[in-house]
Amino acid sequence: MFFVSILMYFMGLISFSLKRKHFLLMLLSLEFIILSLYFSLMMFLFFYTYEFYFSMIFLTMSVCEGALGLALMVSIIRTHGNDYFQSFSMLW
């Protein structure tokens, strides 16, 4: 089962590096990485019979990260019209 979480993590990293031009796909691959980390954390806590309080803190922080990313994407779409990184100009 640990191999599955490692495979999920690396697939998320590969997806993040290949889809770097599109902001929404980058956010989705980041959420997939967070999901794989949560899966490995839950397996670790279950294997060593620790309490699962830290997993709730981890989920809270990952939800905040997702909401911040979506708010940033909405702001970018309102100002630039799309979410492609190639259309952004750093000179403005």
PDB file of N, CA and C in Angstrom:
ATOM      1  N   MET A   1       0.821  -1.202   0.000  1.00  0.00           N
ATOM      2  CA  MET A   1       0.000   0.000   0.000  1.00  0.00           C
ATOM      3  C   MET A   1       0.857   1.254   0.000  1.00  0.00           C
ATOM      4  N   PHE A   2       2.019   1.178   0.621  1.00  0.00           N
ATOM      5  CA  PHE A   2       2.890   2.348   0.644  1.00  0.00           C
ATOM      6  C   PHE A   2       3.413   2.654  -0.755  1.00  0.00           C
ATOM      7  N   PHE A   3       3.607   1.615  -1.563  1.00  0.00           N
ATOM      8  CA  PHE A   3       4.056   1.795  -2.937  1.00  0.00           C
ATOM      9  C   PHE A   3       3.019   2.576  -3.748  1.00  0.00           C
ATOM     10  N   VAL A   4       1.753   2.367  -3.455  1.00  0.00           N
ATOM     11  CA  VAL A   4       0.687   3.070  -4.170  1.00  0.00           C
ATOM     12  C   VAL A   4       0.752   4.568  -3.878  1.00  0.00           C
ATOM     13  N   SER A   5       0.995   4.931  -2.620  1.00  0.00           N
ATOM     14  CA  SER A   5       1.065   6.349  -2.278  1.00  0.00           C
ATOM     15  C   SER A   5       2.303   7.002  -2.884  1.00  0.00           C
ATOM     16  N   ILE A   6       3.420   6.274  -2.948  1.00  0.00           N
ATOM     17  CA  ILE A   6       4.615   6.816  -3.597  1.00  0.00           C
ATOM     18  C   ILE A   6       4.370   6.994  -5.090  1.00  0.00           C
ATOM     19  N   LEU A   7       3.705   6.021  -5.708  1.00  0.00           N
ATOM     20  CA  LEU A   7       3.373   6.121  -7.129  1.00  0.00           C
ATOM     21  C   LEU A   7       2.432   7.293  -7.389  1.00  0.00           C
ATOM     22  N   MET A   8       1.441   7.477  -6.521  1.00  0.00           N
ATOM     23  CA  MET A   8       0.534   8.611  -6.662  1.00  0.00           C
ATOM     24  C   MET A   8       1.282   9.934  -6.544  1.00  0.00           C
ATOM     25  N   TYR A   9       2.223  10.006  -5.605  1.00  0.00           N
ATOM     26  CA  TYR A   9       2.991  11.235  -5.402  1.00  0.00           C
ATOM     27  C   TYR A   9       3.816  11.576  -6.639  1.00  0.00           C
ATOM     28  N   PHE A  10       4.520  10.596  -7.195  1.00  0.00           N
ATOM     29  CA  PHE A  10       5.349  10.874  -8.355  1.00  0.00           C
ATOM     30  C   PHE A  10       4.520  11.147  -9.603  1.00  0.00           C
ATOM     31  N   MET A  11       3.365  10.519  -9.722  1.00  0.00           N
ATOM     32  CA  MET A  11       2.485  10.843 -10.849  1.00  0.00           C
ATOM     33  C   MET A  11       1.962  12.276 -10.733  1.00  0.00           C
ATOM     34  N   GLY A  12       1.683  12.713  -9.527  1.00  0.00           N
ATOM     35  CA  GLY A  12       1.283  14.105  -9.323  1.00  0.00           C
ATOM     36  C   GLY A  12       2.398  15.070  -9.654  1.00  0.00           C
ATOM     37  N   LEU A  13       3.636  14.726  -9.297  1.00  0.00           N
ATOM     38  CA  LEU A  13       4.770  15.584  -9.637  1.00  0.00           C
ATOM     39  C   LEU A  13       4.998  15.645 -11.142  1.00  0.00           C
ATOM     40  N   ILE A  14       4.855  14.513 -11.802  1.00  0.00           N
ATOM     41  CA  ILE A  14       5.018  14.493 -13.257  1.00  0.00           C
ATOM     42  C   ILE A  14       3.920  15.321 -13.922  1.00  0.00           C
ATOM     43  N   SER A  15       2.699  15.174 -13.434  1.00  0.00           N
ATOM     44  CA  SER A  15       1.596  15.954 -13.976  1.00  0.00           C
ATOM     45  C   SER A  15       1.797  17.443 -13.723  1.00  0.00           C
ATOM     46  N   PHE A  16       2.315  17.790 -12.550  1.00  0.00           N
ATOM     47  CA  PHE A  16       2.562  19.195 -12.229  1.00  0.00           C
ATOM     48  C   PHE A  16       3.627  19.788 -13.141  1.00  0.00           C
ATOM     49  N   SER A  17       4.665  19.013 -13.430  1.00  0.00           N
ATOM     50  CA  SER A  17       5.728  19.549 -14.276  1.00  0.00           C
ATOM     51  C   SER A  17       5.340  19.587 -15.757  1.00  0.00           C
ATOM     52  N   LEU A  18       4.483  18.684 -16.202  1.00  0.00           N
ATOM     53  CA  LEU A  18       4.090  18.685 -17.607  1.00  0.00           C
ATOM     54  C   LEU A  18       2.994  19.703 -17.922  1.00  0.00           C
ATOM     55  N   LYS A  19       2.145  20.011 -16.972  1.00  0.00           N
ATOM     56  CA  LYS A  19       1.021  20.930 -17.201  1.00  0.00           C
ATOM     57  C   LYS A  19       1.283  22.299 -16.594  1.00  0.00           C
ATOM     58  N   ARG A  20       2.508  22.801 -16.718  1.00  0.00           N
ATOM     59  CA  ARG A  20       2.863  24.056 -16.072  1.00  0.00           C
ATOM     60  C   ARG A  20       2.338  25.287 -16.799  1.00  0.00           C
ATOM     61  N   LYS A  21       1.730  25.124 -17.963  1.00  0.00           N
ATOM     62  CA  LYS A  21       1.213  26.266 -18.711  1.00  0.00           C
ATOM     63  C   LYS A  21      -0.220  26.611 -18.328  1.00  0.00           C
ATOM     64  N   HIS A  22      -0.925  25.685 -17.766  1.00  0.00           N
ATOM     65  CA  HIS A  22      -2.345  25.856 -17.461  1.00  0.00           C
ATOM     66  C   HIS A  22      -2.516  25.864 -15.942  1.00  0.00           C
ATOM     67  N   PHE A  23      -3.046  26.965 -15.398  1.00  0.00           N
ATOM     68  CA  PHE A  23      -3.093  27.160 -13.955  1.00  0.00           C
ATOM     69  C   PHE A  23      -4.060  26.192 -13.267  1.00  0.00           C
ATOM     70  N   LEU A  24      -5.199  25.907 -13.863  1.00  0.00           N
ATOM     71  CA  LEU A  24      -6.171  25.000 -13.253  1.00  0.00           C
ATOM     72  C   LEU A  24      -5.624  23.580 -13.153  1.00  0.00           C
ATOM     73  N   LEU A  25      -4.946  23.113 -14.177  1.00  0.00           N
ATOM     74  CA  LEU A  25      -4.365  21.773 -14.129  1.00  0.00           C
ATOM     75  C   LEU A  25      -3.229  21.693 -13.114  1.00  0.00           C
ATOM     76  N   MET A  26      -2.517  22.792 -12.917  1.00  0.00           N
ATOM     77  CA  MET A  26      -1.488  22.816 -11.882  1.00  0.00           C
ATOM     78  C   MET A  26      -2.119  22.704 -10.494  1.00  0.00           C
ATOM     79  N   LEU A  27      -3.228  23.388 -10.292  1.00  0.00           N
ATOM     80  CA  LEU A  27      -3.917  23.292  -8.999  1.00  0.00           C
ATOM     81  C   LEU A  27      -4.454  21.882  -8.756  1.00  0.00           C
ATOM     82  N   LEU A  28      -4.986  21.264  -9.796  1.00  0.00           N
ATOM     83  CA  LEU A  28      -5.493  19.898  -9.648  1.00  0.00           C
ATOM     84  C   LEU A  28      -4.384  18.909  -9.347  1.00  0.00           C
ATOM     85  N   SER A  29      -3.237  19.070  -9.977  1.00  0.00           N
ATOM     86  CA  SER A  29      -2.130  18.156  -9.687  1.00  0.00           C
ATOM     87  C   SER A  29      -1.566  18.401  -8.288  1.00  0.00           C
ATOM     88  N   LEU A  30      -1.576  19.646  -7.812  1.00  0.00           N
ATOM     89  CA  LEU A  30      -1.170  19.910  -6.430  1.00  0.00           C
ATOM     90  C   LEU A  30      -2.122  19.249  -5.434  1.00  0.00           C
ATOM     91  N   GLU A  31      -3.404  19.286  -5.733  1.00  0.00           N
ATOM     92  CA  GLU A  31      -4.367  18.617  -4.856  1.00  0.00           C
ATOM     93  C   GLU A  31      -4.181  17.101  -4.885  1.00  0.00           C
ATOM     94  N   PHE A  32      -3.792  16.574  -6.031  1.00  0.00           N
ATOM     95  CA  PHE A  32      -3.523  15.140  -6.117  1.00  0.00           C
ATOM     96  C   PHE A  32      -2.292  14.774  -5.291  1.00  0.00           C
ATOM     97  N   ILE A  33      -1.285  15.629  -5.293  1.00  0.00           N
ATOM     98  CA  ILE A  33      -0.107  15.399  -4.456  1.00  0.00           C
ATOM     99  C   ILE A  33      -0.482  15.441  -2.985  1.00  0.00           C
ATOM    100  N   ILE A  34      -1.309  16.396  -2.606  1.00  0.00           N
ATOM    101  CA  ILE A  34      -1.763  16.499  -1.212  1.00  0.00           C
ATOM    102  C   ILE A  34      -2.565  15.261  -0.827  1.00  0.00           C
ATOM    103  N   LEU A  35      -3.377  14.754  -1.738  1.00  0.00           N
ATOM    104  CA  LEU A  35      -4.153  13.548  -1.464  1.00  0.00           C
ATOM    105  C   LEU A  35      -3.255  12.343  -1.254  1.00  0.00           C
ATOM    106  N   SER A  36      -2.199  12.219  -2.043  1.00  0.00           N
ATOM    107  CA  SER A  36      -1.273  11.101  -1.860  1.00  0.00           C
ATOM    108  C   SER A  36      -0.509  11.227  -0.550  1.00  0.00           C
ATOM    109  N   LEU A  37      -0.136  12.450  -0.165  1.00  0.00           N
ATOM    110  CA  LEU A  37       0.527  12.646   1.123  1.00  0.00           C
ATOM    111  C   LEU A  37      -0.401  12.329   2.285  1.00  0.00           C
ATOM    112  N   TYR A  38      -1.685  12.691   2.142  1.00  0.00           N
ATOM    113  CA  TYR A  38      -2.658  12.367   3.184  1.00  0.00           C
ATOM    114  C   TYR A  38      -2.855  10.852   3.297  1.00  0.00           C
ATOM    115  N   PHE A  39      -2.870  10.187   2.155  1.00  0.00           N
ATOM    116  CA  PHE A  39      -3.019   8.730   2.154  1.00  0.00           C
ATOM    117  C   PHE A  39      -1.839   8.060   2.849  1.00  0.00           C
ATOM    118  N   SER A  40      -0.625   8.518   2.564  1.00  0.00           N
ATOM    119  CA  SER A  40       0.544   7.923   3.216  1.00  0.00           C
ATOM    120  C   SER A  40       0.589   8.280   4.702  1.00  0.00           C
ATOM    121  N   LEU A  41       0.128   9.475   5.066  1.00  0.00           N
ATOM    122  CA  LEU A  41       0.066   9.856   6.474  1.00  0.00           C
ATOM    123  C   LEU A  41      -0.924   8.986   7.239  1.00  0.00           C
ATOM    124  N   MET A  42      -2.067   8.730   6.638  1.00  0.00           N
ATOM    125  CA  MET A  42      -3.063   7.884   7.301  1.00  0.00           C
ATOM    126  C   MET A  42      -2.560   6.451   7.447  1.00  0.00           C
ATOM    127  N   MET A  43      -1.850   5.949   6.447  1.00  0.00           N
ATOM    128  CA  MET A  43      -1.278   4.605   6.578  1.00  0.00           C
ATOM    129  C   MET A  43      -0.226   4.565   7.677  1.00  0.00           C
ATOM    130  N   PHE A  44       0.598   5.597   7.763  1.00  0.00           N
ATOM    131  CA  PHE A  44       1.617   5.659   8.803  1.00  0.00           C
ATOM    132  C   PHE A  44       0.993   5.718  10.188  1.00  0.00           C
ATOM    133  N   LEU A  45      -0.013   6.568  10.355  1.00  0.00           N
ATOM    134  CA  LEU A  45      -0.657   6.695  11.668  1.00  0.00           C
ATOM    135  C   LEU A  45      -1.417   5.425  12.041  1.00  0.00           C
ATOM    136  N   PHE A  46      -2.015   4.776  11.069  1.00  0.00           N
ATOM    137  CA  PHE A  46      -2.737   3.542  11.356  1.00  0.00           C
ATOM    138  C   PHE A  46      -1.784   2.401  11.685  1.00  0.00           C
ATOM    139  N   PHE A  47      -0.633   2.362  11.017  1.00  0.00           N
ATOM    140  CA  PHE A  47       0.329   1.289  11.234  1.00  0.00           C
ATOM    141  C   PHE A  47       0.951   1.363  12.627  1.00  0.00           C
ATOM    142  N   TYR A  48       1.243   2.580  13.078  1.00  0.00           N
ATOM    143  CA  TYR A  48       1.858   2.742  14.397  1.00  0.00           C
ATOM    144  C   TYR A  48       0.858   3.069  15.496  1.00  0.00           C
ATOM    145  N   THR A  49      -0.413   2.984  15.210  1.00  0.00           N
ATOM    146  CA  THR A  49      -1.530   3.204  16.141  1.00  0.00           C
ATOM    147  C   THR A  49      -1.401   4.512  16.914  1.00  0.00           C
ATOM    148  N   TYR A  50      -1.037   5.576  16.192  1.00  0.00           N
ATOM    149  CA  TYR A  50      -1.061   6.907  16.781  1.00  0.00           C
ATOM    150  C   TYR A  50      -2.466   7.466  16.665  1.00  0.00           C
ATOM    151  N   GLU A  51      -2.696   8.581  17.334  1.00  0.00           N
ATOM    152  CA  GLU A  51      -4.010   9.194  17.201  1.00  0.00           C
ATOM    153  C   GLU A  51      -4.077   9.967  15.886  1.00  0.00           C
ATOM    154  N   PHE A  52      -5.264  10.178  15.405  1.00  0.00           N
ATOM    155  CA  PHE A  52      -5.474  10.753  14.085  1.00  0.00           C
ATOM    156  C   PHE A  52      -5.779  12.247  14.139  1.00  0.00           C
ATOM    157  N   TYR A  53      -5.410  12.906  15.223  1.00  0.00           N
ATOM    158  CA  TYR A  53      -5.674  14.336  15.349  1.00  0.00           C
ATOM    159  C   TYR A  53      -4.853  15.143  14.346  1.00  0.00           C
ATOM    160  N   PHE A  54      -3.618  14.721  14.092  1.00  0.00           N
ATOM    161  CA  PHE A  54      -2.776  15.445  13.145  1.00  0.00           C
ATOM    162  C   PHE A  54      -3.335  15.380  11.731  1.00  0.00           C
ATOM    163  N   SER A  55      -4.044  14.315  11.414  1.00  0.00           N
ATOM    164  CA  SER A  55      -4.629  14.221  10.073  1.00  0.00           C
ATOM    165  C   SER A  55      -5.705  15.285   9.859  1.00  0.00           C
ATOM    166  N   MET A  56      -6.429  15.648  10.907  1.00  0.00           N
ATOM    167  CA  MET A  56      -7.430  16.714  10.783  1.00  0.00           C
ATOM    168  C   MET A  56      -6.762  18.070  10.569  1.00  0.00           C
ATOM    169  N   ILE A  57      -5.636  18.293  11.216  1.00  0.00           N
ATOM    170  CA  ILE A  57      -4.894  19.534  11.004  1.00  0.00           C
ATOM    171  C   ILE A  57      -4.361  19.578   9.574  1.00  0.00           C
ATOM    172  N   PHE A  58      -3.859  18.442   9.091  1.00  0.00           N
ATOM    173  CA  PHE A  58      -3.347  18.360   7.724  1.00  0.00           C
ATOM    174  C   PHE A  58      -4.460  18.626   6.713  1.00  0.00           C
ATOM    175  N   LEU A  59      -5.627  18.057   6.936  1.00  0.00           N
ATOM    176  CA  LEU A  59      -6.762  18.298   6.036  1.00  0.00           C
ATOM    177  C   LEU A  59      -7.191  19.753   6.056  1.00  0.00           C
ATOM    178  N   THR A  60      -7.172  20.379   7.228  1.00  0.00           N
ATOM    179  CA  THR A  60      -7.539  21.788   7.331  1.00  0.00           C
ATOM    180  C   THR A  60      -6.581  22.658   6.538  1.00  0.00           C
ATOM    181  N   MET A  61      -5.293  22.387   6.662  1.00  0.00           N
ATOM    182  CA  MET A  61      -4.300  23.172   5.921  1.00  0.00           C
ATOM    183  C   MET A  61      -4.393  22.922   4.411  1.00  0.00           C
ATOM    184  N   SER A  62      -4.698  21.704   4.013  1.00  0.00           N
ATOM    185  CA  SER A  62      -4.817  21.423   2.576  1.00  0.00           C
ATOM    186  C   SER A  62      -6.071  22.066   1.986  1.00  0.00           C
ATOM    187  N   VAL A  63      -7.148  22.151   2.754  1.00  0.00           N
ATOM    188  CA  VAL A  63      -8.357  22.837   2.276  1.00  0.00           C
ATOM    189  C   VAL A  63      -8.091  24.330   2.146  1.00  0.00           C
ATOM    190  N   CYS A  64      -7.354  24.882   3.092  1.00  0.00           N
ATOM    191  CA  CYS A  64      -6.987  26.303   2.993  1.00  0.00           C
ATOM    192  C   CYS A  64      -6.105  26.563   1.779  1.00  0.00           C
ATOM    193  N   GLU A  65      -5.203  25.647   1.494  1.00  0.00           N
ATOM    194  CA  GLU A  65      -4.343  25.785   0.308  1.00  0.00           C
ATOM    195  C   GLU A  65      -5.168  25.712  -0.972  1.00  0.00           C
ATOM    196  N   GLY A  66      -6.137  24.821  -1.012  1.00  0.00           N
ATOM    197  CA  GLY A  66      -6.994  24.707  -2.190  1.00  0.00           C
ATOM    198  C   GLY A  66      -7.861  25.935  -2.381  1.00  0.00           C
ATOM    199  N   ALA A  67      -8.413  26.472  -1.293  1.00  0.00           N
ATOM    200  CA  ALA A  67      -9.246  27.669  -1.394  1.00  0.00           C
ATOM    201  C   ALA A  67      -8.425  28.881  -1.807  1.00  0.00           C
ATOM    202  N   LEU A  68      -7.206  28.974  -1.314  1.00  0.00           N
ATOM    203  CA  LEU A  68      -6.330  30.075  -1.710  1.00  0.00           C
ATOM    204  C   LEU A  68      -5.956  29.979  -3.186  1.00  0.00           C
ATOM    205  N   GLY A  69      -5.699  28.769  -3.668  1.00  0.00           N
ATOM    206  CA  GLY A  69      -5.387  28.579  -5.078  1.00  0.00           C
ATOM    207  C   GLY A  69      -6.556  28.925  -5.977  1.00  0.00           C
ATOM    208  N   LEU A  70      -7.763  28.533  -5.583  1.00  0.00           N
ATOM    209  CA  LEU A  70      -8.945  28.861  -6.390  1.00  0.00           C
ATOM    210  C   LEU A  70      -9.227  30.357  -6.380  1.00  0.00           C
ATOM    211  N   ALA A  71      -9.019  31.013  -5.235  1.00  0.00           N
ATOM    212  CA  ALA A  71      -9.211  32.465  -5.184  1.00  0.00           C
ATOM    213  C   ALA A  71      -8.199  33.179  -6.065  1.00  0.00           C
ATOM    214  N   LEU A  72      -6.972  32.680  -6.077  1.00  0.00           N
ATOM    215  CA  LEU A  72      -5.948  33.260  -6.943  1.00  0.00           C
ATOM    216  C   LEU A  72      -6.295  33.051  -8.415  1.00  0.00           C
ATOM    217  N   MET A  73      -6.818  31.884  -8.739  1.00  0.00           N
ATOM    218  CA  MET A  73      -7.197  31.612 -10.121  1.00  0.00           C
ATOM    219  C   MET A  73      -8.358  32.502 -10.563  1.00  0.00           C
ATOM    220  N   VAL A  74      -9.336  32.712  -9.705  1.00  0.00           N
ATOM    221  CA  VAL A  74     -10.451  33.591 -10.049  1.00  0.00           C
ATOM    222  C   VAL A  74      -9.956  35.017 -10.250  1.00  0.00           C
ATOM    223  N   SER A  75      -9.033  35.451  -9.415  1.00  0.00           N
ATOM    224  CA  SER A  75      -8.475  36.792  -9.566  1.00  0.00           C
ATOM    225  C   SER A  75      -7.702  36.933 -10.867  1.00  0.00           C
ATOM    226  N   ILE A  76      -6.942  35.921 -11.230  1.00  0.00           N
ATOM    227  CA  ILE A  76      -6.178  35.956 -12.483  1.00  0.00           C
ATOM    228  C   ILE A  76      -7.107  35.948 -13.686  1.00  0.00           C
ATOM    229  N   ILE A  77      -8.174  35.151 -13.627  1.00  0.00           N
ATOM    230  CA  ILE A  77      -9.118  35.099 -14.747  1.00  0.00           C
ATOM    231  C   ILE A  77      -9.852  36.429 -14.898  1.00  0.00           C
ATOM    232  N   ARG A  78     -10.168  37.075 -13.787  1.00  0.00           N
ATOM    233  CA  ARG A  78     -10.845  38.373 -13.880  1.00  0.00           C
ATOM    234  C   ARG A  78      -9.940  39.461 -14.440  1.00  0.00           C
ATOM    235  N   THR A  79      -8.661  39.411 -14.131  1.00  0.00           N
ATOM    236  CA  THR A  79      -7.774  40.466 -14.617  1.00  0.00           C
ATOM    237  C   THR A  79      -7.244  40.195 -16.021  1.00  0.00           C
ATOM    238  N   HIS A  80      -6.936  38.942 -16.350  1.00  0.00           N
ATOM    239  CA  HIS A  80      -6.301  38.624 -17.630  1.00  0.00           C
ATOM    240  C   HIS A  80      -7.219  37.941 -18.631  1.00  0.00           C
ATOM    241  N   GLY A  81      -8.327  37.390 -18.205  1.00  0.00           N
ATOM    242  CA  GLY A  81      -9.272  36.786 -19.135  1.00  0.00           C
ATOM    243  C   GLY A  81      -9.133  35.290 -19.308  1.00  0.00           C
ATOM    244  N   ASN A  82      -7.988  34.701 -18.992  1.00  0.00           N
ATOM    245  CA  ASN A  82      -7.814  33.251 -19.076  1.00  0.00           C
ATOM    246  C   ASN A  82      -6.774  32.838 -18.036  1.00  0.00           C
ATOM    247  N   ASP A  83      -6.493  31.543 -17.975  1.00  0.00           N
ATOM    248  CA  ASP A  83      -5.556  31.070 -16.955  1.00  0.00           C
ATOM    249  C   ASP A  83      -4.321  30.411 -17.559  1.00  0.00           C
ATOM    250  N   TYR A  84      -3.961  30.839 -18.754  1.00  0.00           N
ATOM    251  CA  TYR A  84      -2.727  30.365 -19.366  1.00  0.00           C
ATOM    252  C   TYR A  84      -1.572  31.256 -18.919  1.00  0.00           C
ATOM    253  N   PHE A  85      -0.460  30.640 -18.566  1.00  0.00           N
ATOM    254  CA  PHE A  85       0.671  31.421 -18.100  1.00  0.00           C
ATOM    255  C   PHE A  85       1.371  32.156 -19.232  1.00  0.00           C
ATOM    256  N   GLN A  86       1.194  31.716 -20.468  1.00  0.00           N
ATOM    257  CA  GLN A  86       1.874  32.369 -21.585  1.00  0.00           C
ATOM    258  C   GLN A  86       1.287  33.739 -21.885  1.00  0.00           C
ATOM    259  N   SER A  87       0.049  33.973 -21.499  1.00  0.00           N
ATOM    260  CA  SER A  87      -0.568  35.251 -21.808  1.00  0.00           C
ATOM    261  C   SER A  87      -0.253  36.318 -20.764  1.00  0.00           C
ATOM    262  N   PHE A  88       0.387  35.952 -19.668  1.00  0.00           N
ATOM    263  CA  PHE A  88       0.730  36.925 -18.634  1.00  0.00           C
ATOM    264  C   PHE A  88       1.990  37.665 -19.042  1.00  0.00           C
ATOM    265  N   SER A  89       1.998  38.928 -18.838  1.00  0.00           N
ATOM    266  CA  SER A  89       3.190  39.723 -19.127  1.00  0.00           C
ATOM    267  C   SER A  89       3.762  40.217 -17.812  1.00  0.00           C
ATOM    268  N   MET A  90       5.034  39.968 -17.622  1.00  0.00           N
ATOM    269  CA  MET A  90       5.682  40.385 -16.379  1.00  0.00           C
ATOM    270  C   MET A  90       6.051  41.866 -16.394  1.00  0.00           C
ATOM    271  N   LEU A  91       5.874  42.545 -17.527  1.00  0.00           N
ATOM    272  CA  LEU A  91       6.232  43.941 -17.621  1.00  0.00           C
ATOM    273  C   LEU A  91       5.121  44.866 -17.167  1.00  0.00           C
ATOM    274  N   TRP A  92       3.939  44.388 -16.983  1.00  0.00           N
ATOM    275  CA  TRP A  92       2.817  45.251 -16.589  1.00  0.00           C
ATOM    276  C   TRP A  92       2.898  45.615 -15.148  1.00  0.00           C
TER     277      TRP A  92
END
